[in-house]
Amino acid sequence: MIARTFLLAAAIVASTAANAHDPRKGPNGGTLVDAGAHHVELVAAGNEVRVYVSDAADAPLPSDDFKGTAILLIGGKPARVPLAPAGAFLSGPLETAVEGPVKGAVQLTASDGKTSQAKFD
C-alpha cells in the first residue's frame, strides 16, 4: 500500500513539473515559456521580434532590467537578433518578415548578471 501511494505521488509530481514548462499562449499573442525564474513571451510579426519578460506570477518586468539575443529559425536559416529595451518589451529587427510562431531560443541577461534561456519549438 505504501509503495502504491509513493508511486502515485511520484507520478503526480512528475506530470505537474512537466506541465509547468509547456508552451502556452501569452497575453500579447505570442508563445509563453518558462525560463528559469522568469516567463518569456516571444512575438514575431513583420520585421520585428518582441520579447516580453514576466516573473513567476506573470507580472511584467521592466525591459530596462534585461539585455538579450534571439536566435531564430527563419526560412530554414538561423537569424541572430540583438534585443534592446523598447518600453514594455525587448525588441529586435528581423531582416525577413515573419508572421506567427517561430522556432528558436532567447538568451537573456538580467541587470544583476543572472542569465536565463527560453526555448521555442
N, C-alpha and C. Protein backbone atom coordinates (compact mmCIF):
# COMPACT_ATOMS: atom_id res chain seq x y z
N MET A 1 0.82 -1.19 0.00
CA MET A 1 0.00 0.00 0.00
C MET A 1 0.87 1.27 0.00
N ILE A 2 1.91 1.26 0.81
CA ILE A 2 2.79 2.42 0.86
C ILE A 2 3.49 2.61 -0.48
N ALA A 3 3.91 1.52 -1.10
CA ALA A 3 4.58 1.62 -2.40
C ALA A 3 3.64 2.20 -3.44
N ARG A 4 2.38 1.80 -3.44
CA ARG A 4 1.40 2.34 -4.39
C ARG A 4 1.21 3.83 -4.19
N THR A 5 1.09 4.25 -2.94
CA THR A 5 0.92 5.66 -2.62
C THR A 5 2.13 6.46 -3.08
N PHE A 6 3.32 5.92 -2.83
CA PHE A 6 4.54 6.60 -3.25
C PHE A 6 4.59 6.74 -4.77
N LEU A 7 4.27 5.68 -5.50
CA LEU A 7 4.29 5.72 -6.96
C LEU A 7 3.26 6.71 -7.50
N LEU A 8 2.09 6.75 -6.91
CA LEU A 8 1.06 7.68 -7.33
C LEU A 8 1.51 9.12 -7.10
N ALA A 9 2.08 9.38 -5.93
CA ALA A 9 2.58 10.73 -5.63
C ALA A 9 3.70 11.13 -6.59
N ALA A 10 4.60 10.20 -6.89
CA ALA A 10 5.69 10.49 -7.83
C ALA A 10 5.15 10.80 -9.21
N ALA A 11 4.14 10.08 -9.65
CA ALA A 11 3.54 10.32 -10.97
C ALA A 11 2.88 11.69 -11.03
N ILE A 12 2.20 12.08 -9.96
CA ILE A 12 1.55 13.39 -9.93
C ILE A 12 2.58 14.51 -9.97
N VAL A 13 3.64 14.39 -9.17
CA VAL A 13 4.70 15.40 -9.16
C VAL A 13 5.35 15.50 -10.53
N ALA A 14 5.64 14.37 -11.16
CA ALA A 14 6.29 14.37 -12.47
C ALA A 14 5.41 15.02 -13.52
N SER A 15 4.12 14.74 -13.51
CA SER A 15 3.24 15.32 -14.52
C SER A 15 3.05 16.81 -14.28
N THR A 16 2.99 17.24 -13.03
CA THR A 16 2.87 18.65 -12.72
C THR A 16 4.11 19.40 -13.16
N ALA A 17 5.29 18.85 -12.90
CA ALA A 17 6.53 19.50 -13.32
C ALA A 17 6.62 19.59 -14.83
N ALA A 18 6.19 18.56 -15.52
CA ALA A 18 6.23 18.58 -16.99
C ALA A 18 5.30 19.63 -17.54
N ASN A 19 4.11 19.76 -16.97
CA ASN A 19 3.15 20.74 -17.46
C ASN A 19 3.56 22.17 -17.16
N ALA A 20 4.37 22.40 -16.15
CA ALA A 20 4.79 23.75 -15.80
C ALA A 20 5.65 24.37 -16.90
N HIS A 21 6.23 23.57 -17.76
CA HIS A 21 7.12 24.10 -18.78
C HIS A 21 6.51 24.05 -20.17
N ASP A 22 5.26 23.63 -20.29
CA ASP A 22 4.63 23.57 -21.60
C ASP A 22 4.44 24.98 -22.15
N PRO A 23 4.72 25.17 -23.44
CA PRO A 23 4.44 26.48 -24.06
C PRO A 23 2.94 26.76 -24.02
N ARG A 24 2.61 28.03 -23.89
CA ARG A 24 1.20 28.41 -23.87
C ARG A 24 1.06 29.78 -24.53
N LYS A 25 -0.16 30.16 -24.82
CA LYS A 25 -0.44 31.45 -25.44
C LYS A 25 -0.22 32.55 -24.41
N GLY A 26 0.57 33.55 -24.79
CA GLY A 26 0.85 34.66 -23.88
C GLY A 26 -0.15 35.78 -24.02
N PRO A 27 -0.15 36.73 -23.09
CA PRO A 27 -1.11 37.83 -23.10
C PRO A 27 -0.93 38.80 -24.27
N ASN A 28 0.22 38.74 -24.95
CA ASN A 28 0.48 39.62 -26.09
C ASN A 28 0.34 38.90 -27.42
N GLY A 29 -0.21 37.68 -27.39
CA GLY A 29 -0.46 36.93 -28.62
C GLY A 29 0.66 36.03 -29.06
N GLY A 30 1.76 35.99 -28.32
CA GLY A 30 2.90 35.14 -28.67
C GLY A 30 2.90 33.84 -27.90
N THR A 31 4.04 33.17 -27.96
CA THR A 31 4.24 31.92 -27.23
C THR A 31 4.96 32.23 -25.93
N LEU A 32 4.41 31.74 -24.82
CA LEU A 32 4.95 32.00 -23.48
C LEU A 32 5.55 30.72 -22.92
N VAL A 33 6.82 30.80 -22.49
CA VAL A 33 7.51 29.64 -21.91
C VAL A 33 8.21 30.05 -20.62
N ASP A 34 8.57 29.06 -19.82
CA ASP A 34 9.35 29.28 -18.61
C ASP A 34 10.82 29.37 -18.96
N ALA A 35 11.52 30.28 -18.27
CA ALA A 35 12.96 30.43 -18.45
C ALA A 35 13.57 30.74 -17.09
N GLY A 36 13.89 29.71 -16.35
CA GLY A 36 14.43 29.91 -15.01
C GLY A 36 13.37 30.54 -14.12
N ALA A 37 13.69 31.65 -13.49
CA ALA A 37 12.75 32.33 -12.59
C ALA A 37 11.78 33.23 -13.33
N HIS A 38 11.91 33.31 -14.65
CA HIS A 38 11.08 34.21 -15.45
C HIS A 38 10.19 33.45 -16.42
N HIS A 39 9.20 34.16 -16.93
CA HIS A 39 8.42 33.70 -18.08
C HIS A 39 8.78 34.62 -19.23
N VAL A 40 8.94 34.04 -20.42
CA VAL A 40 9.34 34.80 -21.59
C VAL A 40 8.32 34.55 -22.69
N GLU A 41 7.80 35.65 -23.27
CA GLU A 41 6.86 35.55 -24.38
C GLU A 41 7.54 36.10 -25.64
N LEU A 42 7.50 35.32 -26.70
CA LEU A 42 8.10 35.70 -27.98
C LEU A 42 6.99 36.01 -28.97
N VAL A 43 7.03 37.24 -29.52
CA VAL A 43 6.06 37.66 -30.53
C VAL A 43 6.85 38.10 -31.76
N ALA A 44 6.65 37.42 -32.88
CA ALA A 44 7.31 37.79 -34.13
C ALA A 44 6.23 38.23 -35.11
N ALA A 45 6.35 39.46 -35.59
CA ALA A 45 5.38 39.99 -36.54
C ALA A 45 6.07 40.99 -37.46
N GLY A 46 5.91 40.76 -38.75
CA GLY A 46 6.55 41.65 -39.71
C GLY A 46 8.05 41.57 -39.60
N ASN A 47 8.69 42.72 -39.53
CA ASN A 47 10.14 42.78 -39.44
C ASN A 47 10.64 43.06 -38.03
N GLU A 48 9.86 42.64 -37.04
CA GLU A 48 10.24 42.89 -35.65
C GLU A 48 9.95 41.66 -34.80
N VAL A 49 10.83 41.42 -33.84
CA VAL A 49 10.57 40.41 -32.82
C VAL A 49 10.49 41.16 -31.49
N ARG A 50 9.49 40.80 -30.70
CA ARG A 50 9.32 41.39 -29.37
C ARG A 50 9.40 40.29 -28.33
N VAL A 51 10.06 40.60 -27.22
CA VAL A 51 10.18 39.65 -26.12
C VAL A 51 9.69 40.34 -24.85
N TYR A 52 8.67 39.74 -24.25
CA TYR A 52 8.10 40.23 -23.01
C TYR A 52 8.58 39.32 -21.88
N VAL A 53 9.06 39.92 -20.79
CA VAL A 53 9.57 39.15 -19.65
C VAL A 53 8.67 39.42 -18.45
N SER A 54 8.29 38.34 -17.76
CA SER A 54 7.46 38.47 -16.57
C SER A 54 8.03 37.57 -15.47
N ASP A 55 7.55 37.80 -14.25
CA ASP A 55 8.01 36.96 -13.14
C ASP A 55 7.18 35.68 -13.09
N ALA A 56 7.41 34.86 -12.08
CA ALA A 56 6.73 33.57 -11.97
C ALA A 56 5.22 33.71 -11.82
N ALA A 57 4.76 34.88 -11.35
CA ALA A 57 3.32 35.13 -11.20
C ALA A 57 2.75 35.86 -12.42
N ASP A 58 3.53 35.93 -13.50
CA ASP A 58 3.14 36.58 -14.76
C ASP A 58 3.00 38.10 -14.65
N ALA A 59 3.61 38.71 -13.64
CA ALA A 59 3.64 40.17 -13.55
C ALA A 59 4.77 40.68 -14.45
N PRO A 60 4.48 41.64 -15.34
CA PRO A 60 5.51 42.14 -16.26
C PRO A 60 6.71 42.72 -15.51
N LEU A 61 7.89 42.49 -16.07
CA LEU A 61 9.13 43.05 -15.53
C LEU A 61 9.62 44.13 -16.49
N PRO A 62 10.27 45.19 -15.97
CA PRO A 62 10.76 46.27 -16.83
C PRO A 62 11.79 45.76 -17.83
N SER A 63 11.63 46.14 -19.08
CA SER A 63 12.58 45.68 -20.11
C SER A 63 13.97 46.26 -19.89
N ASP A 64 14.05 47.41 -19.20
CA ASP A 64 15.36 48.02 -18.93
C ASP A 64 16.23 47.15 -18.04
N ASP A 65 15.64 46.17 -17.37
CA ASP A 65 16.40 45.28 -16.49
C ASP A 65 17.07 44.14 -17.24
N PHE A 66 16.91 44.09 -18.58
CA PHE A 66 17.41 42.95 -19.35
C PHE A 66 18.10 43.40 -20.64
N LYS A 67 19.00 42.55 -21.10
CA LYS A 67 19.52 42.64 -22.46
C LYS A 67 19.49 41.21 -22.98
N GLY A 68 19.51 41.05 -24.28
CA GLY A 68 19.42 39.68 -24.77
C GLY A 68 19.64 39.53 -26.25
N THR A 69 19.54 38.29 -26.67
CA THR A 69 19.69 37.90 -28.07
C THR A 69 18.67 36.82 -28.37
N ALA A 70 18.02 36.96 -29.51
CA ALA A 70 17.13 35.90 -30.00
C ALA A 70 17.85 35.20 -31.14
N ILE A 71 17.84 33.89 -31.13
CA ILE A 71 18.40 33.09 -32.22
C ILE A 71 17.22 32.31 -32.78
N LEU A 72 16.74 32.74 -33.95
CA LEU A 72 15.51 32.22 -34.51
C LEU A 72 15.76 31.51 -35.83
N LEU A 73 14.92 30.54 -36.12
CA LEU A 73 14.98 29.82 -37.39
C LEU A 73 13.94 30.46 -38.31
N ILE A 74 14.42 31.19 -39.31
CA ILE A 74 13.54 31.90 -40.23
C ILE A 74 13.88 31.48 -41.65
N GLY A 75 12.90 30.93 -42.34
CA GLY A 75 13.13 30.46 -43.70
C GLY A 75 14.16 29.35 -43.76
N GLY A 76 14.24 28.55 -42.71
CA GLY A 76 15.19 27.44 -42.67
C GLY A 76 16.61 27.84 -42.32
N LYS A 77 16.83 29.13 -42.03
CA LYS A 77 18.17 29.61 -41.69
C LYS A 77 18.16 30.28 -40.33
N PRO A 78 19.24 30.12 -39.55
CA PRO A 78 19.30 30.79 -38.25
C PRO A 78 19.53 32.30 -38.41
N ALA A 79 18.82 33.07 -37.60
CA ALA A 79 18.99 34.52 -37.59
C ALA A 79 19.28 34.95 -36.15
N ARG A 80 20.38 35.66 -35.97
CA ARG A 80 20.77 36.16 -34.64
C ARG A 80 20.27 37.60 -34.54
N VAL A 81 19.41 37.86 -33.55
CA VAL A 81 18.77 39.16 -33.42
C VAL A 81 19.10 39.76 -32.05
N PRO A 82 19.87 40.86 -32.01
CA PRO A 82 20.12 41.53 -30.74
C PRO A 82 18.83 42.20 -30.25
N LEU A 83 18.58 42.09 -28.95
CA LEU A 83 17.37 42.65 -28.36
C LEU A 83 17.71 43.84 -27.47
N ALA A 84 16.95 44.91 -27.62
CA ALA A 84 17.16 46.12 -26.82
C ALA A 84 15.84 46.52 -26.16
N PRO A 85 15.91 47.13 -24.96
CA PRO A 85 14.69 47.59 -24.30
C PRO A 85 13.92 48.57 -25.18
N ALA A 86 12.59 48.40 -25.22
CA ALA A 86 11.72 49.27 -26.01
C ALA A 86 10.38 49.40 -25.28
N GLY A 87 10.38 50.10 -24.17
CA GLY A 87 9.15 50.23 -23.40
C GLY A 87 8.87 48.99 -22.58
N ALA A 88 7.73 48.35 -22.83
CA ALA A 88 7.31 47.20 -22.04
C ALA A 88 7.93 45.89 -22.50
N PHE A 89 8.77 45.93 -23.52
CA PHE A 89 9.34 44.70 -24.08
C PHE A 89 10.74 44.95 -24.60
N LEU A 90 11.42 43.87 -24.96
CA LEU A 90 12.69 43.95 -25.68
C LEU A 90 12.36 43.79 -27.15
N SER A 91 13.07 44.49 -28.02
CA SER A 91 12.75 44.46 -29.44
C SER A 91 14.01 44.28 -30.26
N GLY A 92 13.84 43.64 -31.41
CA GLY A 92 14.95 43.48 -32.34
C GLY A 92 14.43 43.41 -33.77
N PRO A 93 15.23 43.89 -34.73
CA PRO A 93 14.80 43.90 -36.13
C PRO A 93 15.02 42.55 -36.81
N LEU A 94 14.11 42.19 -37.68
CA LEU A 94 14.24 40.98 -38.50
C LEU A 94 14.50 41.39 -39.94
N GLU A 95 15.45 40.74 -40.59
CA GLU A 95 15.73 41.03 -41.99
C GLU A 95 14.63 40.51 -42.91
N THR A 96 14.00 39.41 -42.50
CA THR A 96 12.93 38.80 -43.28
C THR A 96 11.64 38.89 -42.49
N ALA A 97 10.58 39.37 -43.11
CA ALA A 97 9.30 39.49 -42.43
C ALA A 97 8.73 38.11 -42.11
N VAL A 98 8.17 37.98 -40.92
CA VAL A 98 7.55 36.73 -40.49
C VAL A 98 6.19 37.04 -39.86
N GLU A 99 5.35 36.04 -39.80
CA GLU A 99 4.07 36.14 -39.11
C GLU A 99 3.88 34.86 -38.31
N GLY A 100 3.44 35.00 -37.09
CA GLY A 100 3.12 33.83 -36.29
C GLY A 100 4.29 33.27 -35.54
N PRO A 101 4.08 32.08 -34.97
CA PRO A 101 5.11 31.47 -34.13
C PRO A 101 6.38 31.12 -34.92
N VAL A 102 7.53 31.31 -34.28
CA VAL A 102 8.81 30.92 -34.87
C VAL A 102 9.54 30.01 -33.89
N LYS A 103 10.46 29.23 -34.42
CA LYS A 103 11.28 28.35 -33.57
C LYS A 103 12.59 29.05 -33.26
N GLY A 104 13.14 28.73 -32.09
CA GLY A 104 14.43 29.29 -31.73
C GLY A 104 14.61 29.38 -30.23
N ALA A 105 15.47 30.30 -29.82
CA ALA A 105 15.77 30.49 -28.40
C ALA A 105 16.02 31.97 -28.13
N VAL A 106 15.76 32.36 -26.90
CA VAL A 106 16.05 33.71 -26.44
C VAL A 106 16.96 33.59 -25.23
N GLN A 107 18.09 34.28 -25.30
CA GLN A 107 19.04 34.30 -24.19
C GLN A 107 18.96 35.68 -23.54
N LEU A 108 18.72 35.70 -22.23
CA LEU A 108 18.57 36.96 -21.51
C LEU A 108 19.62 37.07 -20.41
N THR A 109 20.07 38.30 -20.19
CA THR A 109 20.94 38.61 -19.06
C THR A 109 20.26 39.73 -18.28
N ALA A 110 19.99 39.48 -17.00
CA ALA A 110 19.36 40.48 -16.14
C ALA A 110 20.41 41.47 -15.66
N SER A 111 19.95 42.60 -15.14
CA SER A 111 20.87 43.63 -14.67
C SER A 111 21.75 43.15 -13.52
N ASP A 112 21.32 42.09 -12.81
CA ASP A 112 22.15 41.53 -11.73
C ASP A 112 23.15 40.50 -12.24
N GLY A 113 23.20 40.30 -13.57
CA GLY A 113 24.16 39.37 -14.17
C GLY A 113 23.66 37.95 -14.34
N LYS A 114 22.49 37.64 -13.79
CA LYS A 114 21.94 36.28 -13.94
C LYS A 114 21.42 36.09 -15.36
N THR A 115 21.65 34.88 -15.87
CA THR A 115 21.22 34.59 -17.24
C THR A 115 20.10 33.54 -17.24
N SER A 116 19.33 33.57 -18.30
CA SER A 116 18.29 32.56 -18.50
C SER A 116 18.10 32.36 -19.99
N GLN A 117 17.53 31.23 -20.33
CA GLN A 117 17.31 30.90 -21.74
C GLN A 117 15.91 30.33 -21.90
N ALA A 118 15.22 30.80 -22.92
CA ALA A 118 13.89 30.30 -23.26
C ALA A 118 13.96 29.64 -24.62
N LYS A 119 13.40 28.43 -24.72
CA LYS A 119 13.39 27.71 -25.99
C LYS A 119 11.98 27.67 -26.56
N PHE A 120 11.89 27.92 -27.85
CA PHE A 120 10.61 27.93 -28.55
C PHE A 120 10.68 26.90 -29.67
N ASP A 121 9.89 25.82 -29.54
CA ASP A 121 9.91 24.74 -30.53
C ASP A 121 8.72 24.81 -31.45
